[in-house]
């Protein structure tokens, strides 16, 4: 089945936030 565009955008947004937060934490540790 195909995912609705809204679900794809939601997953993408969560992934983007996760990456940004992870990068921020790595930068804070250094």
N, C-alpha and C. Protein backbone atom coordinates (compact mmCIF):
# COMPACT_ATOMS: atom_id res chain seq x y z
N UNK A 1 0.83 -1.21 0.00
CA UNK A 1 0.00 0.00 0.00
C UNK A 1 0.85 1.25 0.00
N UNK A 2 0.24 2.35 -0.36
CA UNK A 2 0.97 3.62 -0.38
C UNK A 2 0.63 4.44 0.86
N UNK A 3 1.64 5.13 1.37
CA UNK A 3 1.42 5.98 2.54
C UNK A 3 0.85 7.32 2.10
N UNK A 4 -0.05 7.88 2.90
CA UNK A 4 -0.56 9.23 2.61
C UNK A 4 0.57 10.25 2.72
N UNK A 5 0.47 11.32 1.96
CA UNK A 5 1.51 12.35 1.95
C UNK A 5 1.71 12.91 3.36
N UNK A 6 0.61 13.08 4.10
CA UNK A 6 0.72 13.65 5.46
C UNK A 6 1.57 12.76 6.35
N UNK A 7 1.40 11.43 6.21
CA UNK A 7 2.17 10.51 7.04
C UNK A 7 3.64 10.57 6.68
N UNK A 8 3.92 10.66 5.38
CA UNK A 8 5.31 10.76 4.92
C UNK A 8 5.95 12.04 5.47
N UNK A 9 5.21 13.15 5.42
CA UNK A 9 5.74 14.42 5.93
C UNK A 9 5.96 14.34 7.43
N UNK A 10 5.04 13.68 8.13
CA UNK A 10 5.17 13.53 9.58
C UNK A 10 6.41 12.74 9.95
N UNK A 11 6.61 11.62 9.25
CA UNK A 11 7.79 10.78 9.51
C UNK A 11 9.06 11.56 9.18
N UNK A 12 9.03 12.29 8.06
CA UNK A 12 10.19 13.08 7.66
C UNK A 12 10.52 14.14 8.68
N UNK A 13 9.48 14.78 9.22
CA UNK A 13 9.69 15.83 10.22
C UNK A 13 10.31 15.25 11.48
N UNK A 14 9.80 14.10 11.92
CA UNK A 14 10.34 13.46 13.12
C UNK A 14 11.80 13.06 12.90
N UNK A 15 12.09 12.52 11.73
CA UNK A 15 13.46 12.12 11.42
C UNK A 15 14.38 13.33 11.42
N UNK A 16 13.91 14.43 10.83
CA UNK A 16 14.72 15.64 10.76
C UNK A 16 15.01 16.17 12.16
N UNK A 17 13.97 16.20 13.01
CA UNK A 17 14.14 16.68 14.39
C UNK A 17 15.15 15.79 15.12
N UNK A 18 15.02 14.47 14.92
CA UNK A 18 15.92 13.52 15.59
C UNK A 18 17.37 13.77 15.19
N UNK A 19 17.58 14.00 13.90
CA UNK A 19 18.94 14.26 13.39
C UNK A 19 19.48 15.56 13.96
N UNK A 20 18.66 16.60 13.98
CA UNK A 20 19.10 17.91 14.49
C UNK A 20 19.43 17.82 15.97
N UNK A 21 18.57 17.15 16.74
CA UNK A 21 18.82 17.01 18.18
C UNK A 21 20.08 16.19 18.42
N UNK A 22 20.25 15.11 17.65
CA UNK A 22 21.43 14.26 17.79
C UNK A 22 22.70 15.04 17.48
N UNK A 23 22.67 15.84 16.42
CA UNK A 23 23.83 16.64 16.05
C UNK A 23 24.12 17.66 17.14
N UNK A 24 23.09 18.26 17.69
CA UNK A 24 23.26 19.26 18.75
C UNK A 24 23.89 18.64 19.99
N UNK A 25 23.46 17.42 20.34
CA UNK A 25 24.01 16.75 21.51
C UNK A 25 25.47 16.40 21.28
N UNK A 26 25.80 15.94 20.08
CA UNK A 26 27.20 15.61 19.76
C UNK A 26 28.07 16.85 19.86
N UNK A 27 27.54 17.98 19.39
CA UNK A 27 28.31 19.22 19.41
C UNK A 27 28.51 19.68 20.86
N UNK A 28 27.49 19.48 21.70
CA UNK A 28 27.58 19.91 23.09
C UNK A 28 28.62 19.08 23.85
N UNK A 29 28.75 17.80 23.49
CA UNK A 29 29.70 16.93 24.18
C UNK A 29 31.14 17.30 23.87
N UNK A 30 31.38 17.84 22.68
CA UNK A 30 32.76 18.14 22.27
C UNK A 30 33.28 19.40 22.95
